[in-house]
């Protein structure tokens, strides 16, 4: 499949992401306007940070006049979750040069991770079952699929943030808080639809269990450490399953 065809395939797979991003980005634009940000500041932050949770997290410090270091630390902590996501995606881009990967990394988000990752897993497992040459990772094609999702979702997020600013005066104050739950709901529905076998439910259960002692041990760092440990164990388990499939 050509690069453009694979990109278009990614665009079609991104349609549910666009639908989820519209209310979420509108909510952030409304909230940012309520906290005193200008239209240009909203567009720049959405394009540069491109992370709904991090952008919501820094609104209060910005409005309170906190230092730049405080804001940067808050945003960085929220975005540490992209490290295990990028690690999980990296093996599917083998053969791609470093600079295209470096530029594409800006488009990594929870949505542009989970949709391609599930798709690549399906394709890899199907190729292994059929014992075809396709079992070798098509890094360029996979990158095209990822960009089809990431680039279009990025455009929707930035445009939605700007639109949120423009409609903010016509929306009741506090309404954006309800819209923030739409995106997590979308991820939960997508994950449930993809649950097959016992591995995914067990990983989800372990994540919930680990989150409790992690939060009790450290309100600031516990959830990050728990997420990193569970993500690393899950990735190791997936690699172990793949190795077993190849050797059998």
C-alpha atoms as a PDB file:
ATOM      1  CA  UNK A   1       0.000   0.000   0.000  1.00  0.00           C
ATOM      2  CA  UNK A   2       1.331   3.453  -0.955  1.00  0.00           C
ATOM      3  CA  UNK A   3       2.129   6.144   1.587  1.00  0.00           C
ATOM      4  CA  UNK A   4      -0.868   8.262   0.525  1.00  0.00           C
ATOM      5  CA  UNK A   5      -3.252   5.296   0.656  1.00  0.00           C
ATOM      6  CA  UNK A   6      -2.021   4.346   4.101  1.00  0.00           C
ATOM      7  CA  UNK A   7      -2.334   7.979   5.230  1.00  0.00           C
ATOM      8  CA  UNK A   8      -5.931   8.058   3.997  1.00  0.00           C
ATOM      9  CA  UNK A   9      -6.588   4.815   5.860  1.00  0.00           C
ATOM     10  CA  UNK A  10      -5.364   6.541   9.018  1.00  0.00           C
ATOM     11  CA  UNK A  11      -7.647   9.494   8.350  1.00  0.00           C
ATOM     12  CA  UNK A  12     -10.673   7.213   8.158  1.00  0.00           C
ATOM     13  CA  UNK A  13      -9.648   5.525  11.403  1.00  0.00           C
ATOM     14  CA  UNK A  14      -9.333   8.969  13.024  1.00  0.00           C
ATOM     15  CA  UNK A  15     -12.977   9.968  12.528  1.00  0.00           C
ATOM     16  CA  UNK A  16     -14.016   8.839  16.059  1.00  0.00           C
ATOM     17  CA  UNK A  17     -11.045  10.785  17.408  1.00  0.00           C
ATOM     18  CA  UNK A  18     -12.223  13.933  15.639  1.00  0.00           C
ATOM     19  CA  UNK A  19     -15.697  13.486  17.108  1.00  0.00           C
ATOM     20  CA  UNK A  20     -14.210  13.182  20.607  1.00  0.00           C
ATOM     21  CA  UNK A  21     -11.806  16.091  20.101  1.00  0.00           C
ATOM     22  CA  UNK A  22     -14.485  18.590  19.060  1.00  0.00           C
ATOM     23  CA  UNK A  23     -16.236  18.944  22.451  1.00  0.00           C
ATOM     24  CA  UNK A  24     -12.973  18.518  24.383  1.00  0.00           C
ATOM     25  CA  UNK A  25     -11.149  21.233  22.447  1.00  0.00           C
ATOM     26  CA  UNK A  26     -14.182  23.519  22.628  1.00  0.00           C
ATOM     27  CA  UNK A  27     -14.256  22.996  26.394  1.00  0.00           C
ATOM     28  CA  UNK A  28     -10.603  23.912  26.687  1.00  0.00           C
ATOM     29  CA  UNK A  29     -11.033  27.018  24.538  1.00  0.00           C
ATOM     30  CA  UNK A  30     -13.963  28.109  26.718  1.00  0.00           C
ATOM     31  CA  UNK A  31     -12.021  27.450  29.930  1.00  0.00           C
ATOM     32  CA  UNK A  32      -8.921  29.230  28.625  1.00  0.00           C
ATOM     33  CA  UNK A  33     -10.956  32.293  27.683  1.00  0.00           C
ATOM     34  CA  UNK A  34     -12.533  32.298  31.150  1.00  0.00           C
ATOM     35  CA  UNK A  35      -9.010  32.276  32.671  1.00  0.00           C
ATOM     36  CA  UNK A  36      -7.985  35.323  30.672  1.00  0.00           C
ATOM     37  CA  UNK A  37      -6.031  33.858  27.733  1.00  0.00           C
ATOM     38  CA  UNK A  38      -6.222  35.621  24.375  1.00  0.00           C
ATOM     39  CA  UNK A  39      -7.120  33.916  21.096  1.00  0.00           C
ATOM     40  CA  UNK A  40      -3.502  33.873  19.913  1.00  0.00           C
ATOM     41  CA  UNK A  41      -2.332  32.418  23.249  1.00  0.00           C
ATOM     42  CA  UNK A  42      -4.972  29.681  23.051  1.00  0.00           C
ATOM     43  CA  UNK A  43      -3.994  28.722  19.502  1.00  0.00           C
ATOM     44  CA  UNK A  44      -0.278  28.754  20.327  1.00  0.00           C
ATOM     45  CA  UNK A  45      -0.704  26.630  23.465  1.00  0.00           C
ATOM     46  CA  UNK A  46      -2.904  24.078  21.689  1.00  0.00           C
ATOM     47  CA  UNK A  47      -0.431  23.805  18.818  1.00  0.00           C
ATOM     48  CA  UNK A  48       2.701  23.737  20.995  1.00  0.00           C
ATOM     49  CA  UNK A  49       1.556  21.669  23.987  1.00  0.00           C
ATOM     50  CA  UNK A  50      -1.124  19.581  22.218  1.00  0.00           C
ATOM     51  CA  UNK A  51      -2.268  17.833  25.378  1.00  0.00           C
ATOM     52  CA  UNK A  52      -5.718  18.386  26.826  1.00  0.00           C
ATOM     53  CA  UNK A  53      -4.907  17.267  30.403  1.00  0.00           C
ATOM     54  CA  UNK A  54      -1.706  19.348  30.510  1.00  0.00           C
ATOM     55  CA  UNK A  55      -3.441  22.400  29.063  1.00  0.00           C
ATOM     56  CA  UNK A  56      -6.251  22.194  31.619  1.00  0.00           C
ATOM     57  CA  UNK A  57      -3.698  21.642  34.402  1.00  0.00           C
ATOM     58  CA  UNK A  58      -1.778  24.856  33.708  1.00  0.00           C
ATOM     59  CA  UNK A  59      -4.803  27.174  33.415  1.00  0.00           C
ATOM     60  CA  UNK A  60      -5.063  27.831  37.155  1.00  0.00           C
ATOM     61  CA  UNK A  61      -1.307  28.510  37.647  1.00  0.00           C
ATOM     62  CA  UNK A  62      -1.348  30.860  34.657  1.00  0.00           C
ATOM     63  CA  UNK A  63      -4.402  32.733  35.948  1.00  0.00           C
ATOM     64  CA  UNK A  64      -2.825  33.015  39.415  1.00  0.00           C
ATOM     65  CA  UNK A  65       0.380  34.448  37.974  1.00  0.00           C
ATOM     66  CA  UNK A  66       2.598  31.534  38.988  1.00  0.00           C
ATOM     67  CA  UNK A  67       6.177  31.403  37.726  1.00  0.00           C
ATOM     68  CA  UNK A  68       7.060  29.964  34.337  1.00  0.00           C
ATOM     69  CA  UNK A  69       8.935  27.138  36.082  1.00  0.00           C
ATOM     70  CA  UNK A  70       5.788  26.162  37.998  1.00  0.00           C
ATOM     71  CA  UNK A  71       3.758  26.036  34.769  1.00  0.00           C
ATOM     72  CA  UNK A  72       6.431  24.090  32.880  1.00  0.00           C
ATOM     73  CA  UNK A  73       6.800  21.511  35.660  1.00  0.00           C
ATOM     74  CA  UNK A  74       3.024  20.989  35.832  1.00  0.00           C
ATOM     75  CA  UNK A  75       2.774  20.485  32.073  1.00  0.00           C
ATOM     76  CA  UNK A  76       5.813  18.209  31.951  1.00  0.00           C
ATOM     77  CA  UNK A  77       4.491  15.939  34.696  1.00  0.00           C
ATOM     78  CA  UNK A  78       1.189  15.564  32.876  1.00  0.00           C
ATOM     79  CA  UNK A  79       2.959  14.710  29.621  1.00  0.00           C
ATOM     80  CA  UNK A  80       5.288  12.060  31.041  1.00  0.00           C
ATOM     81  CA  UNK A  81       2.629   9.526  30.051  1.00  0.00           C
ATOM     82  CA  UNK A  82       3.784   9.940  26.447  1.00  0.00           C
ATOM     83  CA  UNK A  83       7.072   8.160  27.239  1.00  0.00           C
ATOM     84  CA  UNK A  84       5.582   4.644  27.581  1.00  0.00           C
ATOM     85  CA  UNK A  85       3.254   5.358  24.656  1.00  0.00           C
ATOM     86  CA  UNK A  86       6.163   6.294  22.399  1.00  0.00           C
ATOM     87  CA  UNK A  87       8.130   3.265  23.588  1.00  0.00           C
ATOM     88  CA  UNK A  88       5.249   0.970  22.680  1.00  0.00           C
ATOM     89  CA  UNK A  89       4.870   2.499  19.206  1.00  0.00           C
ATOM     90  CA  UNK A  90       8.579   2.681  18.331  1.00  0.00           C
ATOM     91  CA  UNK A  91       8.993  -0.974  17.191  1.00  0.00           C
ATOM     92  CA  UNK A  92       6.342  -0.450  14.505  1.00  0.00           C
ATOM     93  CA  UNK A  93       8.404   2.303  12.839  1.00  0.00           C
ATOM     94  CA  UNK A  94      11.554   0.301  12.183  1.00  0.00           C
ATOM     95  CA  UNK A  95      13.462   1.490   9.139  1.00  0.00           C
ATOM     96  CA  UNK A  96      12.159   5.077   9.274  1.00  0.00           C
ATOM     97  CA  UNK A  97      14.827   7.787   9.472  1.00  0.00           C
ATOM     98  CA  UNK A  98      15.317   9.702  12.689  1.00  0.00           C
ATOM     99  CA  UNK A  99      14.202  13.173  11.549  1.00  0.00           C
ATOM    100  CA  UNK A 100      10.752  12.137  10.277  1.00  0.00           C
ATOM    101  CA  UNK A 101      10.209  10.286  13.547  1.00  0.00           C
ATOM    102  CA  UNK A 102      11.384  13.281  15.592  1.00  0.00           C
ATOM    103  CA  UNK A 103       8.982  15.641  13.819  1.00  0.00           C
ATOM    104  CA  UNK A 104       6.133  13.132  13.988  1.00  0.00           C
ATOM    105  CA  UNK A 105       6.605  12.681  17.730  1.00  0.00           C
ATOM    106  CA  UNK A 106       4.895  16.024  18.326  1.00  0.00           C
ATOM    107  CA  UNK A 107       1.646  14.402  17.184  1.00  0.00           C
ATOM    108  CA  UNK A 108       1.706  11.703  19.860  1.00  0.00           C
ATOM    109  CA  UNK A 109      -1.397  11.889  22.028  1.00  0.00           C
ATOM    110  CA  UNK A 110      -3.531   9.349  23.826  1.00  0.00           C
ATOM    111  CA  UNK A 111      -5.756   9.064  20.735  1.00  0.00           C
ATOM    112  CA  UNK A 112      -2.961   8.932  18.161  1.00  0.00           C
ATOM    113  CA  UNK A 113      -1.364   6.221  20.298  1.00  0.00           C
ATOM    114  CA  UNK A 114      -4.231   3.873  21.079  1.00  0.00           C
ATOM    115  CA  UNK A 115      -5.846   3.750  17.619  1.00  0.00           C
ATOM    116  CA  UNK A 116      -2.627   2.998  15.636  1.00  0.00           C
ATOM    117  CA  UNK A 117      -1.301   0.679  18.344  1.00  0.00           C
ATOM    118  CA  UNK A 118      -4.407  -1.501  18.262  1.00  0.00           C
ATOM    119  CA  UNK A 119      -4.372  -1.475  14.449  1.00  0.00           C
ATOM    120  CA  UNK A 120      -0.686  -2.409  14.241  1.00  0.00           C
ATOM    121  CA  UNK A 121      -1.206  -5.204  16.774  1.00  0.00           C
ATOM    122  CA  UNK A 122      -4.033  -6.650  14.676  1.00  0.00           C
ATOM    123  CA  UNK A 123      -1.975  -6.480  11.483  1.00  0.00           C
ATOM    124  CA  UNK A 124       1.072  -8.057  13.116  1.00  0.00           C
ATOM    125  CA  UNK A 125      -0.939 -10.909  14.632  1.00  0.00           C
ATOM    126  CA  UNK A 126      -2.723 -11.544  11.311  1.00  0.00           C
ATOM    127  CA  UNK A 127       0.601 -11.632   9.452  1.00  0.00           C
ATOM    128  CA  UNK A 128       2.072 -14.054  11.986  1.00  0.00           C
ATOM    129  CA  UNK A 129      -0.923 -16.365  11.643  1.00  0.00           C
ATOM    130  CA  UNK A 130      -0.621 -16.355   7.859  1.00  0.00           C
ATOM    131  CA  UNK A 131       3.189 -16.707   7.964  1.00  0.00           C
ATOM    132  CA  UNK A 132       3.567 -14.116   5.229  1.00  0.00           C
ATOM    133  CA  UNK A 133       6.346 -11.680   4.356  1.00  0.00           C
ATOM    134  CA  UNK A 134       4.078  -8.950   5.717  1.00  0.00           C
ATOM    135  CA  UNK A 135       5.152 -10.072   9.179  1.00  0.00           C
ATOM    136  CA  UNK A 136       8.135  -7.802   8.715  1.00  0.00           C
ATOM    137  CA  UNK A 137       7.286  -4.352  10.039  1.00  0.00           C
ATOM    138  CA  UNK A 138       6.440  -1.811   7.327  1.00  0.00           C
ATOM    139  CA  UNK A 139       7.802   1.214   9.165  1.00  0.00           C
ATOM    140  CA  UNK A 140       7.051   3.748   6.430  1.00  0.00           C
ATOM    141  CA  UNK A 141       3.503   2.512   5.931  1.00  0.00           C
ATOM    142  CA  UNK A 142       2.866   2.469   9.651  1.00  0.00           C
ATOM    143  CA  UNK A 143       4.166   6.026   9.954  1.00  0.00           C
ATOM    144  CA  UNK A 144       1.787   7.113   7.195  1.00  0.00           C
ATOM    145  CA  UNK A 145      -1.132   5.540   9.066  1.00  0.00           C
ATOM    146  CA  UNK A 146      -0.021   7.240  12.290  1.00  0.00           C
ATOM    147  CA  UNK A 147       0.269  10.612  10.550  1.00  0.00           C
ATOM    148  CA  UNK A 148      -3.185  10.196   9.026  1.00  0.00           C
ATOM    149  CA  UNK A 149      -4.536  10.016  12.550  1.00  0.00           C
ATOM    150  CA  UNK A 150      -2.136  12.373  14.326  1.00  0.00           C
ATOM    151  CA  UNK A 151      -2.004  15.237  11.830  1.00  0.00           C
ATOM    152  CA  UNK A 152      -5.763  15.434  11.305  1.00  0.00           C
ATOM    153  CA  UNK A 153      -6.535  15.092  15.019  1.00  0.00           C
ATOM    154  CA  UNK A 154      -3.991  17.855  15.703  1.00  0.00           C
ATOM    155  CA  UNK A 155      -5.754  20.155  13.226  1.00  0.00           C
ATOM    156  CA  UNK A 156      -9.141  19.434  14.799  1.00  0.00           C
ATOM    157  CA  UNK A 157      -7.779  20.123  18.298  1.00  0.00           C
ATOM    158  CA  UNK A 158      -6.248  23.480  17.385  1.00  0.00           C
ATOM    159  CA  UNK A 159      -9.288  24.593  15.372  1.00  0.00           C
ATOM    160  CA  UNK A 160     -11.642  23.478  18.133  1.00  0.00           C
ATOM    161  CA  UNK A 161      -9.653  25.383  20.766  1.00  0.00           C
ATOM    162  CA  UNK A 162      -9.891  28.566  18.725  1.00  0.00           C
ATOM    163  CA  UNK A 163     -13.619  27.991  18.171  1.00  0.00           C
ATOM    164  CA  UNK A 164     -14.086  27.499  21.910  1.00  0.00           C
ATOM    165  CA  UNK A 165     -12.693  30.973  22.522  1.00  0.00           C
ATOM    166  CA  UNK A 166     -15.049  32.478  19.963  1.00  0.00           C
ATOM    167  CA  UNK A 167     -18.190  30.866  21.423  1.00  0.00           C
ATOM    168  CA  UNK A 168     -17.190  31.265  25.085  1.00  0.00           C
ATOM    169  CA  UNK A 169     -19.449  34.261  25.706  1.00  0.00           C
ATOM    170  CA  UNK A 170     -22.522  32.254  24.709  1.00  0.00           C
ATOM    171  CA  UNK A 171     -21.835  29.259  26.970  1.00  0.00           C
ATOM    172  CA  UNK A 172     -22.860  29.133  30.672  1.00  0.00           C
ATOM    173  CA  UNK A 173     -19.907  29.388  33.033  1.00  0.00           C
ATOM    174  CA  UNK A 174     -18.759  25.978  34.256  1.00  0.00           C
ATOM    175  CA  UNK A 175     -20.232  24.095  31.290  1.00  0.00           C
ATOM    176  CA  UNK A 176     -16.748  23.197  30.061  1.00  0.00           C
ATOM    177  CA  UNK A 177     -16.195  21.020  33.131  1.00  0.00           C
ATOM    178  CA  UNK A 178     -18.875  18.575  31.954  1.00  0.00           C
ATOM    179  CA  UNK A 179     -17.408  18.392  28.446  1.00  0.00           C
ATOM    180  CA  UNK A 180     -14.026  17.285  29.822  1.00  0.00           C
ATOM    181  CA  UNK A 181     -15.449  13.820  30.554  1.00  0.00           C
ATOM    182  CA  UNK A 182     -16.321  13.117  26.919  1.00  0.00           C
ATOM    183  CA  UNK A 183     -12.772  12.234  25.872  1.00  0.00           C
ATOM    184  CA  UNK A 184     -12.110   9.780  28.758  1.00  0.00           C
ATOM    185  CA  UNK A 185     -15.477   8.203  27.981  1.00  0.00           C
ATOM    186  CA  UNK A 186     -14.441   7.763  24.364  1.00  0.00           C
ATOM    187  CA  UNK A 187     -11.194   6.022  25.379  1.00  0.00           C
ATOM    188  CA  UNK A 188     -13.049   3.736  27.777  1.00  0.00           C
ATOM    189  CA  UNK A 189     -15.528   2.734  25.077  1.00  0.00           C
ATOM    190  CA  UNK A 190     -12.757   2.122  22.549  1.00  0.00           C
ATOM    191  CA  UNK A 191     -10.810  -0.014  25.014  1.00  0.00           C
ATOM    192  CA  UNK A 192     -13.845  -2.096  25.979  1.00  0.00           C
ATOM    193  CA  UNK A 193     -14.642  -2.724  22.305  1.00  0.00           C
ATOM    194  CA  UNK A 194     -11.121  -4.053  21.758  1.00  0.00           C
ATOM    195  CA  UNK A 195     -11.009  -6.320  24.827  1.00  0.00           C
ATOM    196  CA  UNK A 196     -10.380  -9.861  23.634  1.00  0.00           C
ATOM    197  CA  UNK A 197      -9.018 -12.687  25.728  1.00  0.00           C
ATOM    198  CA  UNK A 198      -7.814 -12.237  29.271  1.00  0.00           C
ATOM    199  CA  UNK A 199      -4.711 -10.040  28.895  1.00  0.00           C
ATOM    200  CA  UNK A 200      -6.335  -6.614  28.460  1.00  0.00           C
ATOM    201  CA  UNK A 201      -8.860  -6.966  31.326  1.00  0.00           C
ATOM    202  CA  UNK A 202      -6.067  -8.145  33.647  1.00  0.00           C
ATOM    203  CA  UNK A 203      -3.882  -5.165  32.713  1.00  0.00           C
ATOM    204  CA  UNK A 204      -6.794  -2.764  33.329  1.00  0.00           C
ATOM    205  CA  UNK A 205      -7.489  -4.387  36.692  1.00  0.00           C
ATOM    206  CA  UNK A 206      -3.836  -4.145  37.717  1.00  0.00           C
ATOM    207  CA  UNK A 207      -3.807  -0.487  36.703  1.00  0.00           C
ATOM    208  CA  UNK A 208      -6.786   0.283  38.935  1.00  0.00           C
ATOM    209  CA  UNK A 209      -5.293  -1.645  41.853  1.00  0.00           C
ATOM    210  CA  UNK A 210      -1.858  -0.015  41.474  1.00  0.00           C
ATOM    211  CA  UNK A 211      -3.344   3.481  41.252  1.00  0.00           C
ATOM    212  CA  UNK A 212      -4.687   3.346  44.820  1.00  0.00           C
ATOM    213  CA  UNK A 213      -1.436   2.670  46.750  1.00  0.00           C
ATOM    214  CA  UNK A 214       0.420   4.897  44.314  1.00  0.00           C
ATOM    215  CA  UNK A 215      -1.852   7.848  45.048  1.00  0.00           C
ATOM    216  CA  UNK A 216      -1.691   7.177  48.801  1.00  0.00           C
ATOM    217  CA  UNK A 217       2.106   6.979  48.761  1.00  0.00           C
ATOM    218  CA  UNK A 218       2.537  10.222  46.830  1.00  0.00           C
ATOM    219  CA  UNK A 219      -0.231  12.459  45.516  1.00  0.00           C
ATOM    220  CA  UNK A 220       2.183  14.130  43.084  1.00  0.00           C
ATOM    221  CA  UNK A 221       4.264  11.189  41.827  1.00  0.00           C
ATOM    222  CA  UNK A 222       2.368   8.029  42.752  1.00  0.00           C
ATOM    223  CA  UNK A 223       0.112   7.901  39.712  1.00  0.00           C
ATOM    224  CA  UNK A 224       3.030   8.591  37.365  1.00  0.00           C
ATOM    225  CA  UNK A 225       5.140   5.791  38.856  1.00  0.00           C
ATOM    226  CA  UNK A 226       2.183   3.382  38.830  1.00  0.00           C
ATOM    227  CA  UNK A 227       1.392   4.169  35.201  1.00  0.00           C
ATOM    228  CA  UNK A 228       5.028   3.762  34.169  1.00  0.00           C
ATOM    229  CA  UNK A 229       5.385   0.397  35.948  1.00  0.00           C
ATOM    230  CA  UNK A 230       2.145  -1.026  34.538  1.00  0.00           C
ATOM    231  CA  UNK A 231       2.910   0.256  31.039  1.00  0.00           C
ATOM    232  CA  UNK A 232       6.412  -1.259  31.153  1.00  0.00           C
ATOM    233  CA  UNK A 233       5.110  -4.626  32.384  1.00  0.00           C
ATOM    234  CA  UNK A 234       2.391  -4.633  29.727  1.00  0.00           C
ATOM    235  CA  UNK A 235       4.901  -3.850  26.990  1.00  0.00           C
ATOM    236  CA  UNK A 236       7.186  -6.634  28.233  1.00  0.00           C
ATOM    237  CA  UNK A 237       4.270  -9.054  28.260  1.00  0.00           C
ATOM    238  CA  UNK A 238       3.331  -8.137  24.678  1.00  0.00           C
ATOM    239  CA  UNK A 239       6.923  -8.650  23.541  1.00  0.00           C
ATOM    240  CA  UNK A 240       7.019 -12.018  25.306  1.00  0.00           C
ATOM    241  CA  UNK A 241       3.808 -13.092  23.548  1.00  0.00           C
ATOM    242  CA  UNK A 242       5.198 -11.953  20.191  1.00  0.00           C
ATOM    243  CA  UNK A 243       8.441 -13.871  20.747  1.00  0.00           C
ATOM    244  CA  UNK A 244       6.450 -16.968  21.642  1.00  0.00           C
ATOM    245  CA  UNK A 245       4.341 -16.656  18.489  1.00  0.00           C
ATOM    246  CA  UNK A 246       7.420 -16.387  16.296  1.00  0.00           C
ATOM    247  CA  UNK A 247       9.182 -19.363  17.863  1.00  0.00           C
ATOM    248  CA  UNK A 248       6.143 -21.677  17.801  1.00  0.00           C
END
